[in-house]
């Protein structure tokens, strides 16, 4: 249990970047033996606060104290020597080295000038045994799933005697049982007096594991709250800084399913499939319709999207778009046919970080026109400014590098890129993953607004409530196959979870 004594205190932390006041006199404190959730919309200042704490950035004003002594970390490595360690969503390990080497890298026990492998492996195994993680420490860490890699990263932090452990979106890529294992480890560390800063977008997890919550908004401190006494609806209101009616009344944006069923079919798949990827399936997508794809990670949702857009080539069935049978499956052909695809991994497959917001927005449109029909800079700015305003993208200018934006705003840039092509069919794969509640609501509303204007959408999300709120129909996938289609009056979380778990269709 937390003992009310602060091991970490940050007072009046301010940090400005060109055109942006990222932090404005923010206070934060962490107690010994406490799990403290740090929450806020993307762009609220969470990442900047952690970067200041760990020496990635230096504050303009403010003081940081660890165990009552003022500190100033000069780098992440220096922060580690002070007892502050961070485990990021993208785990920073050397995949070709063994688990033991990763845990003790730079601190390997030596004998006669060489690494003492027996002691190295024994020490690593001891730490993992304490965490109740059963793996072979001699194996390459790259052979293990993300959940184990996170445990290895946590073990490395423990080995250097961390007093403060920062977990930045640690559950984003974990299955439910892996998340529970992580929470068990967090509680164990808490019992040993370690203070944990927990950054996440999953509010249910905040209430399951945290003791206190600090909320930031627009670089300012909103407040610090005891988790047990803060109603979830009030937390959401404080995070987004506005009324929740838009979340609760999303259904008013959705057209009646009966109206949709009478509209024309804009995309039709018949026995469409790819061996080893997705079993053959049928799909009719109507004008103005949003079809949700629900299922666990690995169920075939992304594979379905890749196949429809031409990222992967089918080996069975047919696909018809706007009445024309698609003979050559390729992304450029799909774009030219009026389709758009926002992929699941925006960092790897979406944004181009070293290009500006403007350049990212016009990429797909320019590709569809061909490079001999070049959009001049004035036209690019006109298009970019239009969608920056439409999607409420928070950026000082269209010429800001997109890598400098928050995750939610990067996601909006990708949406803007595809909307700029004026598509008839949108395929959105996890468009709201890892972004804040307010941005999620805006994107969901945008999808339904586009549907009301006659656009059609295939919407993929791991969050069932989001699928239900946004879709007119839902296809449930399991084991790389579409197992059932649910009409609007059949759609509810209980039935979908039952089907996903292997229940009767």
Protein backbone atom coordinates (compact mmCIF):
# COMPACT_ATOMS: atom_id res chain seq x y z
CA UNK A 1 0.00 0.00 0.00
CA UNK A 2 1.07 3.59 -0.59
CA UNK A 3 2.38 5.26 2.58
CA UNK A 4 1.55 8.88 1.62
CA UNK A 5 5.27 9.82 1.49
CA UNK A 6 6.29 11.23 -1.87
CA UNK A 7 9.32 9.64 -3.50
CA UNK A 8 8.94 11.91 -6.52
CA UNK A 9 7.74 15.51 -6.68
CA UNK A 10 7.57 17.70 -9.78
CA UNK A 11 6.73 21.34 -9.05
CA UNK A 12 5.69 24.01 -11.55
CA UNK A 13 7.07 22.21 -14.60
CA UNK A 14 6.83 24.31 -17.77
CA UNK A 15 8.09 23.46 -21.23
CA UNK A 16 7.53 25.27 -24.53
CA UNK A 17 8.29 24.25 -28.10
CA UNK A 18 8.00 26.55 -31.13
CA UNK A 19 4.34 27.54 -31.31
CA UNK A 20 3.29 25.19 -28.50
CA UNK A 21 3.19 25.54 -24.68
CA UNK A 22 3.47 21.81 -23.97
CA UNK A 23 3.51 22.15 -20.16
CA UNK A 24 2.31 25.12 -18.13
CA UNK A 25 3.29 25.04 -14.43
CA UNK A 26 2.34 21.38 -13.95
CA UNK A 27 2.66 19.69 -10.55
CA UNK A 28 2.94 15.92 -10.15
CA UNK A 29 3.76 13.68 -7.21
CA UNK A 30 4.29 9.93 -6.79
CA UNK A 31 4.15 8.06 -3.50
CA UNK A 32 6.15 5.06 -2.43
CA UNK A 33 4.23 1.88 -3.21
CA UNK A 34 1.68 3.61 -5.43
CA UNK A 35 0.32 3.02 -8.92
CA UNK A 36 -0.45 6.50 -10.23
CA UNK A 37 -2.29 6.88 -13.54
CA UNK A 38 -1.26 9.83 -15.71
CA UNK A 39 -4.15 10.62 -18.05
CA UNK A 40 -5.21 13.16 -20.63
CA UNK A 41 -5.97 13.59 -24.29
CA UNK A 42 -3.18 13.25 -26.80
CA UNK A 43 -1.38 16.56 -26.72
CA UNK A 44 -2.32 17.08 -23.07
CA UNK A 45 1.35 17.01 -22.02
CA UNK A 46 1.79 13.48 -20.66
CA UNK A 47 4.68 12.52 -22.94
CA UNK A 48 6.44 15.85 -22.43
CA UNK A 49 6.19 15.53 -18.65
CA UNK A 50 7.77 12.07 -18.82
CA UNK A 51 10.47 13.31 -21.22
CA UNK A 52 11.35 16.07 -18.77
CA UNK A 53 11.46 13.60 -15.90
CA UNK A 54 13.72 11.17 -17.78
CA UNK A 55 16.10 13.72 -19.26
CA UNK A 56 14.94 13.58 -22.88
CA UNK A 57 13.86 17.22 -22.58
CA UNK A 58 14.84 19.91 -20.09
CA UNK A 59 12.13 21.99 -18.46
CA UNK A 60 12.07 25.75 -18.94
CA UNK A 61 10.93 26.24 -15.35
CA UNK A 62 10.19 24.05 -12.35
CA UNK A 63 11.89 21.68 -9.92
CA UNK A 64 12.05 17.88 -9.70
CA UNK A 65 12.81 16.15 -6.39
CA UNK A 66 13.50 12.45 -5.81
CA UNK A 67 13.44 11.33 -2.16
CA UNK A 68 13.52 14.97 -1.13
CA UNK A 69 16.63 15.87 -3.18
CA UNK A 70 16.52 18.05 -6.26
CA UNK A 71 17.53 16.19 -9.40
CA UNK A 72 18.02 17.04 -13.08
CA UNK A 73 18.32 14.03 -15.35
CA UNK A 74 20.62 14.78 -18.28
CA UNK A 75 19.60 11.73 -20.31
CA UNK A 76 17.47 8.57 -19.98
CA UNK A 77 20.61 6.68 -18.95
CA UNK A 78 21.33 9.26 -16.26
CA UNK A 79 17.70 8.96 -15.11
CA UNK A 80 18.19 5.21 -14.74
CA UNK A 81 21.23 5.74 -12.53
CA UNK A 82 19.04 8.00 -10.38
CA UNK A 83 16.45 5.21 -10.07
CA UNK A 84 13.91 6.26 -12.73
CA UNK A 85 13.22 3.70 -15.48
CA UNK A 86 10.75 3.70 -18.36
CA UNK A 87 9.17 0.80 -20.24
CA UNK A 88 7.69 2.07 -23.49
CA UNK A 89 4.88 0.69 -25.63
CA UNK A 90 7.49 -0.17 -28.29
CA UNK A 91 9.85 -2.15 -26.06
CA UNK A 92 13.47 -1.03 -26.42
CA UNK A 93 15.38 -4.31 -26.35
CA UNK A 94 18.05 -5.98 -28.49
CA UNK A 95 16.12 -8.85 -30.12
CA UNK A 96 19.24 -10.75 -31.16
CA UNK A 97 20.61 -10.89 -27.59
CA UNK A 98 19.45 -13.34 -24.95
CA UNK A 99 16.94 -12.43 -22.26
CA UNK A 100 19.74 -12.49 -19.67
CA UNK A 101 21.95 -10.21 -21.77
CA UNK A 102 19.10 -7.72 -22.20
CA UNK A 103 18.41 -7.63 -18.47
CA UNK A 104 22.04 -7.05 -17.47
CA UNK A 105 23.32 -5.23 -20.54
CA UNK A 106 26.19 -2.95 -19.53
CA UNK A 107 26.34 -4.56 -16.07
CA UNK A 108 27.38 -8.12 -16.97
CA UNK A 109 29.23 -9.99 -14.18
CA UNK A 110 32.78 -10.76 -15.23
CA UNK A 111 35.48 -13.26 -14.35
CA UNK A 112 39.07 -12.94 -15.54
CA UNK A 113 38.09 -10.17 -17.95
CA UNK A 114 35.30 -12.14 -19.65
CA UNK A 115 31.55 -12.30 -19.10
CA UNK A 116 30.66 -14.85 -16.42
CA UNK A 117 27.75 -16.48 -18.29
CA UNK A 118 26.77 -18.73 -15.41
CA UNK A 119 26.34 -15.80 -13.02
CA UNK A 120 24.70 -13.71 -15.74
CA UNK A 121 22.05 -16.33 -16.47
CA UNK A 122 21.54 -17.12 -12.78
CA UNK A 123 20.97 -13.45 -11.89
CA UNK A 124 18.50 -12.94 -14.74
CA UNK A 125 16.64 -16.13 -13.86
CA UNK A 126 16.44 -15.01 -10.22
CA UNK A 127 14.76 -11.72 -11.16
CA UNK A 128 12.28 -13.39 -13.52
CA UNK A 129 11.50 -16.08 -10.94
CA UNK A 130 10.64 -13.34 -8.44
CA UNK A 131 8.23 -11.95 -11.04
CA UNK A 132 6.89 -15.48 -11.60
CA UNK A 133 7.89 -15.45 -15.29
CA UNK A 134 8.91 -18.88 -16.59
CA UNK A 135 11.21 -18.49 -19.62
CA UNK A 136 14.65 -19.68 -20.71
CA UNK A 137 16.91 -16.68 -20.11
CA UNK A 138 19.46 -18.07 -22.60
CA UNK A 139 17.06 -17.70 -25.54
CA UNK A 140 16.99 -14.62 -27.77
CA UNK A 141 14.40 -12.14 -26.51
CA UNK A 142 13.14 -11.67 -30.08
CA UNK A 143 11.76 -15.22 -29.98
CA UNK A 144 9.20 -14.23 -27.34
CA UNK A 145 5.95 -12.25 -27.65
CA UNK A 146 5.58 -8.60 -26.67
CA UNK A 147 4.16 -9.52 -23.25
CA UNK A 148 7.35 -11.38 -22.28
CA UNK A 149 9.53 -8.65 -23.76
CA UNK A 150 7.78 -6.12 -21.51
CA UNK A 151 8.52 -8.31 -18.49
CA UNK A 152 12.17 -8.43 -19.57
CA UNK A 153 12.23 -4.62 -19.81
CA UNK A 154 10.67 -4.38 -16.33
CA UNK A 155 13.24 -6.88 -15.05
CA UNK A 156 16.03 -4.71 -16.43
CA UNK A 157 14.59 -1.74 -14.53
CA UNK A 158 14.49 -3.78 -11.32
CA UNK A 159 18.06 -4.94 -11.80
CA UNK A 160 19.24 -1.34 -11.71
CA UNK A 161 17.21 -0.74 -8.53
CA UNK A 162 14.47 1.48 -9.93
CA UNK A 163 12.59 3.54 -7.37
CA UNK A 164 10.25 4.95 -10.01
CA UNK A 165 8.93 2.80 -12.88
CA UNK A 166 7.14 4.48 -15.80
CA UNK A 167 4.89 2.24 -17.89
CA UNK A 168 3.89 4.02 -21.11
CA UNK A 169 0.88 2.34 -22.77
CA UNK A 170 2.11 -1.11 -21.68
CA UNK A 171 -1.12 -2.99 -22.50
CA UNK A 172 -1.82 -1.70 -26.03
CA UNK A 173 -0.50 -4.86 -27.70
CA UNK A 174 -1.43 -7.37 -25.00
CA UNK A 175 -4.20 -9.93 -24.86
CA UNK A 176 -6.47 -9.95 -21.80
CA UNK A 177 -4.61 -12.73 -19.98
CA UNK A 178 -1.27 -11.02 -20.67
CA UNK A 179 -2.64 -7.77 -19.26
CA UNK A 180 -3.71 -9.57 -16.08
CA UNK A 181 -0.19 -10.98 -15.71
CA UNK A 182 1.26 -7.50 -16.10
CA UNK A 183 -1.12 -6.15 -13.46
CA UNK A 184 -0.05 -8.93 -11.08
CA UNK A 185 3.58 -7.88 -11.58
CA UNK A 186 2.66 -4.22 -11.04
CA UNK A 187 0.93 -5.06 -7.77
CA UNK A 188 3.95 -7.07 -6.66
CA UNK A 189 6.27 -4.15 -7.39
CA UNK A 190 3.89 -1.83 -5.57
CA UNK A 191 4.06 -4.06 -2.49
CA UNK A 192 7.85 -3.64 -2.53
CA UNK A 193 7.53 0.14 -2.31
CA UNK A 194 8.22 0.96 -5.96
CA UNK A 195 6.24 3.90 -7.33
CA UNK A 196 4.66 3.26 -10.73
CA UNK A 197 3.50 5.91 -13.21
CA UNK A 198 0.90 4.23 -15.44
CA UNK A 199 0.03 5.88 -18.76
CA UNK A 200 -2.86 4.32 -20.65
CA UNK A 201 -5.95 5.04 -22.72
CA UNK A 202 -7.92 2.13 -21.24
CA UNK A 203 -10.05 3.60 -18.47
CA UNK A 204 -11.24 0.21 -17.21
CA UNK A 205 -7.60 -0.67 -16.54
CA UNK A 206 -7.07 2.61 -14.68
CA UNK A 207 -9.87 1.69 -12.29
CA UNK A 208 -8.65 -1.86 -11.95
CA UNK A 209 -5.09 -1.16 -10.91
CA UNK A 210 -4.38 2.48 -9.99
CA UNK A 211 -4.51 4.26 -6.63
CA UNK A 212 -4.55 7.87 -7.81
CA UNK A 213 -5.11 9.70 -11.08
CA UNK A 214 -3.52 12.90 -12.38
CA UNK A 215 -5.33 14.50 -15.32
CA UNK A 216 -3.65 16.92 -17.74
CA UNK A 217 -5.36 18.93 -20.45
CA UNK A 218 -3.75 21.31 -22.94
CA UNK A 219 -0.49 21.26 -21.00
CA UNK A 220 -2.11 22.20 -17.69
CA UNK A 221 -2.93 20.28 -14.54
CA UNK A 222 -6.68 19.59 -14.27
CA UNK A 223 -6.46 17.80 -10.92
CA UNK A 224 -5.30 14.86 -8.83
CA UNK A 225 -7.94 12.35 -7.69
CA UNK A 226 -8.29 9.19 -5.63
CA UNK A 227 -9.35 6.52 -8.12
CA UNK A 228 -11.82 4.91 -5.73
CA UNK A 229 -13.86 8.10 -5.30
CA UNK A 230 -13.82 9.48 -8.87
CA UNK A 231 -16.81 8.38 -11.00
CA UNK A 232 -15.75 7.28 -14.46
CA UNK A 233 -18.10 9.70 -16.22
CA UNK A 234 -16.56 12.58 -14.24
CA UNK A 235 -13.06 11.42 -15.19
CA UNK A 236 -13.99 11.45 -18.87
CA UNK A 237 -15.54 14.91 -18.54
CA UNK A 238 -12.36 16.26 -16.90
CA UNK A 239 -10.13 14.65 -19.54
CA UNK A 240 -11.96 16.03 -22.55
CA UNK A 241 -13.12 19.28 -20.94
CA UNK A 242 -16.58 19.21 -22.41
CA UNK A 243 -20.03 17.66 -22.14
CA UNK A 244 -20.38 13.94 -22.80
CA UNK A 245 -23.57 14.19 -24.84
CA UNK A 246 -21.69 13.57 -28.08
CA UNK A 247 -20.56 10.20 -26.73
CA UNK A 248 -23.93 9.24 -25.35
CA UNK A 249 -25.94 10.46 -28.33
CA UNK A 250 -23.77 9.05 -31.13
CA UNK A 251 -26.74 7.01 -32.27
CA UNK A 252 -28.48 10.15 -33.58
CA UNK A 253 -25.83 10.38 -36.30
CA UNK A 254 -26.58 6.86 -37.45
CA UNK A 255 -29.15 6.33 -40.18
CA UNK A 256 -31.74 3.60 -39.75
CA UNK A 257 -30.54 0.21 -40.98
CA UNK A 258 -33.72 -0.21 -43.05
CA UNK A 259 -32.86 2.91 -45.05
CA UNK A 260 -29.34 1.62 -45.68
CA UNK A 261 -30.57 -1.79 -46.87
CA UNK A 262 -32.51 -0.12 -49.70
CA UNK A 263 -29.48 1.75 -51.03
CA UNK A 264 -27.26 0.47 -53.84
CA UNK A 265 -24.41 -1.98 -53.27
CA UNK A 266 -21.05 -0.24 -53.78
CA UNK A 267 -18.78 -3.17 -52.95
CA UNK A 268 -19.54 -6.88 -53.26
CA UNK A 269 -17.27 -9.79 -52.38
CA UNK A 270 -18.24 -13.35 -53.31
CA UNK A 271 -16.32 -16.31 -51.88
CA UNK A 272 -13.43 -13.89 -51.57
CA UNK A 273 -10.44 -15.29 -49.69
CA UNK A 274 -6.75 -16.08 -49.46
CA UNK A 275 -5.29 -19.36 -48.20
CA UNK A 276 -3.54 -18.95 -44.84
CA UNK A 277 -4.93 -15.45 -44.45
CA UNK A 278 -8.75 -15.33 -44.49
CA UNK A 279 -11.30 -18.00 -45.35
CA UNK A 280 -13.60 -17.20 -48.32
CA UNK A 281 -16.38 -14.79 -47.31
CA UNK A 282 -19.31 -12.89 -48.82
CA UNK A 283 -19.84 -9.18 -48.23
CA UNK A 284 -22.30 -6.60 -49.59
CA UNK A 285 -21.50 -3.01 -48.59
CA UNK A 286 -24.26 -0.51 -49.33
CA UNK A 287 -24.03 3.19 -50.05
CA UNK A 288 -23.94 5.13 -46.78
CA UNK A 289 -23.38 1.99 -44.71
CA UNK A 290 -20.81 1.32 -41.99
CA UNK A 291 -19.98 -2.36 -41.51
CA UNK A 292 -17.99 -3.21 -38.40
CA UNK A 293 -15.51 -6.08 -38.19
CA UNK A 294 -15.27 -7.52 -34.69
CA UNK A 295 -12.94 -10.19 -33.38
CA UNK A 296 -9.78 -10.74 -31.37
CA UNK A 297 -6.32 -9.81 -32.60
CA UNK A 298 -5.36 -12.41 -35.20
CA UNK A 299 -8.97 -13.27 -36.03
CA UNK A 300 -8.59 -12.08 -39.62
CA UNK A 301 -9.85 -8.49 -39.44
CA UNK A 302 -6.72 -6.83 -40.85
CA UNK A 303 -6.30 -9.66 -43.36
CA UNK A 304 -9.81 -8.93 -44.63
CA UNK A 305 -9.00 -5.23 -45.01
CA UNK A 306 -5.71 -5.95 -46.78
CA UNK A 307 -7.45 -8.29 -49.20
CA UNK A 308 -10.27 -5.86 -50.03
CA UNK A 309 -7.85 -2.99 -50.68
CA UNK A 310 -5.41 -5.05 -52.73
CA UNK A 311 -2.49 -5.08 -50.30
CA UNK A 312 -2.76 -8.88 -50.53
CA UNK A 313 -3.87 -10.83 -53.59
CA UNK A 314 -6.88 -13.19 -53.35
CA UNK A 315 -6.72 -16.77 -54.57
CA UNK A 316 -10.47 -17.35 -54.59
CA UNK A 317 -13.68 -15.46 -55.32
CA UNK A 318 -14.53 -12.15 -56.91
CA UNK A 319 -14.66 -8.50 -55.88
CA UNK A 320 -16.92 -5.92 -57.52
CA UNK A 321 -16.58 -2.19 -56.81
CA UNK A 322 -19.11 0.33 -58.16
CA UNK A 323 -20.48 -2.33 -60.48
CA UNK A 324 -17.10 -3.13 -62.02
CA UNK A 325 -15.37 -6.43 -61.36
CA UNK A 326 -11.84 -5.89 -60.04
CA UNK A 327 -9.39 -7.91 -62.10
CA UNK A 328 -6.04 -6.54 -60.92
CA UNK A 329 -5.90 -6.28 -57.14
CA UNK A 330 -3.47 -3.51 -56.10
CA UNK A 331 -3.67 -0.47 -53.79
CA UNK A 332 -3.29 2.05 -56.63
CA UNK A 333 -6.14 0.37 -58.55
CA UNK A 334 -8.26 0.54 -55.40
CA UNK A 335 -7.53 4.25 -54.96
CA UNK A 336 -8.49 4.88 -58.57
CA UNK A 337 -11.72 2.92 -57.98
CA UNK A 338 -12.67 5.28 -55.14
CA UNK A 339 -11.40 3.29 -52.15
CA UNK A 340 -9.26 4.48 -49.25
CA UNK A 341 -7.47 2.50 -46.52
CA UNK A 342 -6.20 3.74 -43.16
CA UNK A 343 -3.94 0.92 -41.89
CA UNK A 344 -3.69 -0.38 -38.35
CA UNK A 345 -0.09 0.70 -37.69
CA UNK A 346 -0.02 4.42 -38.37
CA UNK A 347 3.71 4.70 -37.58
CA UNK A 348 4.89 1.89 -39.85
CA UNK A 349 2.30 2.11 -42.64
CA UNK A 350 0.66 5.52 -42.23
CA UNK A 351 2.49 8.75 -41.46
CA UNK A 352 5.80 9.77 -42.99
CA UNK A 353 7.33 11.44 -39.97
CA UNK A 354 9.89 13.59 -41.74
CA UNK A 355 7.30 15.13 -44.06
CA UNK A 356 5.04 18.01 -43.08
CA UNK A 357 1.35 17.78 -42.28
CA UNK A 358 0.61 19.26 -45.71
CA UNK A 359 2.82 16.75 -47.52
CA UNK A 360 1.30 13.83 -45.64
CA UNK A 361 -2.24 14.95 -46.42
CA UNK A 362 -1.72 15.22 -50.18
CA UNK A 363 0.27 11.95 -50.58
CA UNK A 364 -2.57 9.65 -51.66
CA UNK A 365 -4.21 12.28 -53.84
CA UNK A 366 -0.92 12.97 -55.61
CA UNK A 367 -0.33 9.22 -56.10
CA UNK A 368 -3.77 8.80 -57.67
CA UNK A 369 -3.15 11.71 -60.06
CA UNK A 370 0.31 10.47 -61.02
CA UNK A 371 3.53 12.38 -60.51
CA UNK A 372 3.29 14.04 -63.93
CA UNK A 373 0.14 15.82 -62.76
CA UNK A 374 1.81 17.61 -59.86
CA UNK A 375 -0.19 19.56 -57.28
CA UNK A 376 1.46 22.93 -56.83
CA UNK A 377 2.24 24.20 -53.34
CA UNK A 378 -0.68 26.66 -53.27
CA UNK A 379 -3.16 23.88 -54.11
CA UNK A 380 -1.53 21.59 -51.53
CA UNK A 381 -1.96 24.27 -48.86
CA UNK A 382 -5.58 24.81 -49.86
CA UNK A 383 -6.34 21.09 -49.50
CA UNK A 384 -4.36 20.73 -46.26
CA UNK A 385 -5.99 23.77 -44.64
CA UNK A 386 -9.44 22.47 -45.59
CA UNK A 387 -8.94 19.14 -43.81
CA UNK A 388 -7.02 20.60 -40.88
CA UNK A 389 -10.12 22.69 -40.21
CA UNK A 390 -12.59 19.88 -40.97
CA UNK A 391 -10.89 17.38 -38.64
CA UNK A 392 -9.80 19.94 -36.04
CA UNK A 393 -6.15 18.87 -36.38
CA UNK A 394 -4.11 20.60 -33.69
CA UNK A 395 -0.99 21.92 -35.44
CA UNK A 396 0.62 25.37 -35.46
CA UNK A 397 0.83 25.25 -39.25
CA UNK A 398 0.34 22.90 -42.19
CA UNK A 399 4.12 22.97 -42.60
CA UNK A 400 4.76 21.44 -39.16
CA UNK A 401 6.54 18.06 -39.31
CA UNK A 402 3.89 15.43 -38.66
CA UNK A 403 6.15 13.51 -36.27
CA UNK A 404 5.87 16.47 -33.88
CA UNK A 405 2.11 16.03 -33.51
CA UNK A 406 0.37 13.92 -30.88
CA UNK A 407 -0.79 10.42 -31.78
CA UNK A 408 -4.42 11.47 -32.11
CA UNK A 409 -3.55 14.31 -34.45
CA UNK A 410 -1.32 12.02 -36.52
CA UNK A 411 -4.31 9.71 -36.89
CA UNK A 412 -6.43 12.62 -38.07
CA UNK A 413 -3.75 13.49 -40.64
CA UNK A 414 -4.02 9.98 -42.09
CA UNK A 415 -7.80 10.33 -42.27
CA UNK A 416 -7.35 13.71 -43.94
CA UNK A 417 -5.02 12.11 -46.49
CA UNK A 418 -7.70 9.68 -47.58
CA UNK A 419 -10.62 12.09 -47.37
CA UNK A 420 -8.68 14.38 -49.70
CA UNK A 421 -9.01 11.70 -52.40
CA UNK A 422 -12.81 12.04 -51.99
CA UNK A 423 -13.32 8.26 -51.74
CA UNK A 424 -16.62 6.44 -51.95
CA UNK A 425 -15.41 3.60 -49.70
CA UNK A 426 -13.32 3.99 -46.53
CA UNK A 427 -11.58 1.03 -44.88
CA UNK A 428 -10.52 2.04 -41.37
CA UNK A 429 -8.40 -0.43 -39.40
CA UNK A 430 -8.20 0.56 -35.71
CA UNK A 431 -8.54 4.28 -36.52
CA UNK A 432 -8.81 5.23 -32.83
CA UNK A 433 -6.22 2.90 -31.29
CA UNK A 434 -3.97 4.67 -28.79
CA UNK A 435 -5.71 8.03 -29.01
CA UNK A 436 -7.66 9.95 -26.41
CA UNK A 437 -11.39 9.84 -25.73
CA UNK A 438 -12.14 13.22 -27.27
CA UNK A 439 -10.34 12.37 -30.54
CA UNK A 440 -12.09 8.98 -30.60
CA UNK A 441 -15.47 10.65 -30.40
CA UNK A 442 -14.54 13.06 -33.19
CA UNK A 443 -13.41 10.23 -35.48
CA UNK A 444 -16.52 8.13 -34.75
CA UNK A 445 -18.73 11.13 -35.47
CA UNK A 446 -16.77 11.81 -38.65
CA UNK A 447 -17.34 8.23 -39.86
CA UNK A 448 -21.09 8.51 -39.35
CA UNK A 449 -21.22 11.99 -40.86
CA UNK A 450 -19.44 10.69 -43.95
CA UNK A 451 -21.92 7.79 -44.09
CA UNK A 452 -24.81 10.25 -43.96
CA UNK A 453 -23.26 11.95 -46.99
CA UNK A 454 -23.30 8.67 -48.93
CA UNK A 455 -19.81 7.36 -48.19
CA UNK A 456 -19.47 3.71 -47.19
CA UNK A 457 -17.11 2.36 -44.56
CA UNK A 458 -15.61 -0.84 -43.23
CA UNK A 459 -14.72 -0.10 -39.61
CA UNK A 460 -12.35 -2.30 -37.56
CA UNK A 461 -11.85 -1.85 -33.82
CA UNK A 462 -10.83 -3.97 -30.85
CA UNK A 463 -13.30 -2.01 -28.70
CA UNK A 464 -16.72 -3.58 -29.06
CA UNK A 465 -18.61 -0.56 -27.76
CA UNK A 466 -16.98 1.51 -30.51
CA UNK A 467 -17.95 -1.03 -33.20
CA UNK A 468 -21.54 -1.07 -31.93
CA UNK A 469 -21.76 2.72 -31.70
CA UNK A 470 -20.47 3.26 -35.23
CA UNK A 471 -21.76 0.33 -37.33
CA UNK A 472 -25.04 -0.52 -39.06
CA UNK A 473 -24.06 -4.18 -39.30
CA UNK A 474 -21.28 -6.25 -37.74
CA UNK A 475 -19.31 -9.18 -39.13
CA UNK A 476 -17.77 -11.28 -36.35
CA UNK A 477 -14.50 -13.05 -37.17
CA UNK A 478 -12.81 -15.94 -35.44
CA UNK A 479 -9.84 -18.07 -36.49
CA UNK A 480 -9.38 -16.21 -39.79
CA UNK A 481 -12.97 -16.64 -40.88
CA UNK A 482 -16.18 -14.62 -40.86
CA UNK A 483 -18.41 -16.70 -38.59
CA UNK A 484 -21.57 -14.61 -38.41
CA UNK A 485 -23.20 -11.40 -39.60
CA UNK A 486 -25.31 -9.44 -37.12
CA UNK A 487 -28.02 -6.98 -38.10
CA UNK A 488 -28.48 -3.79 -36.11
CA UNK A 489 -31.19 -5.22 -33.87
CA UNK A 490 -28.99 -8.25 -33.10
CA UNK A 491 -25.88 -6.28 -32.16
CA UNK A 492 -24.83 -6.26 -28.50
CA UNK A 493 -21.60 -6.85 -26.62
CA UNK A 494 -22.77 -10.05 -24.93
CA UNK A 495 -23.69 -11.82 -28.16
CA UNK A 496 -20.52 -10.73 -29.95
CA UNK A 497 -18.27 -11.82 -27.09
CA UNK A 498 -20.08 -15.14 -26.95
CA UNK A 499 -19.45 -15.70 -30.66
CA UNK A 500 -15.82 -14.60 -30.43
CA UNK A 501 -15.32 -17.04 -27.55
CA UNK A 502 -16.56 -19.88 -29.75
CA UNK A 503 -20.24 -19.95 -28.85
CA UNK A 504 -22.99 -20.83 -31.29
CA UNK A 505 -23.63 -18.35 -34.09
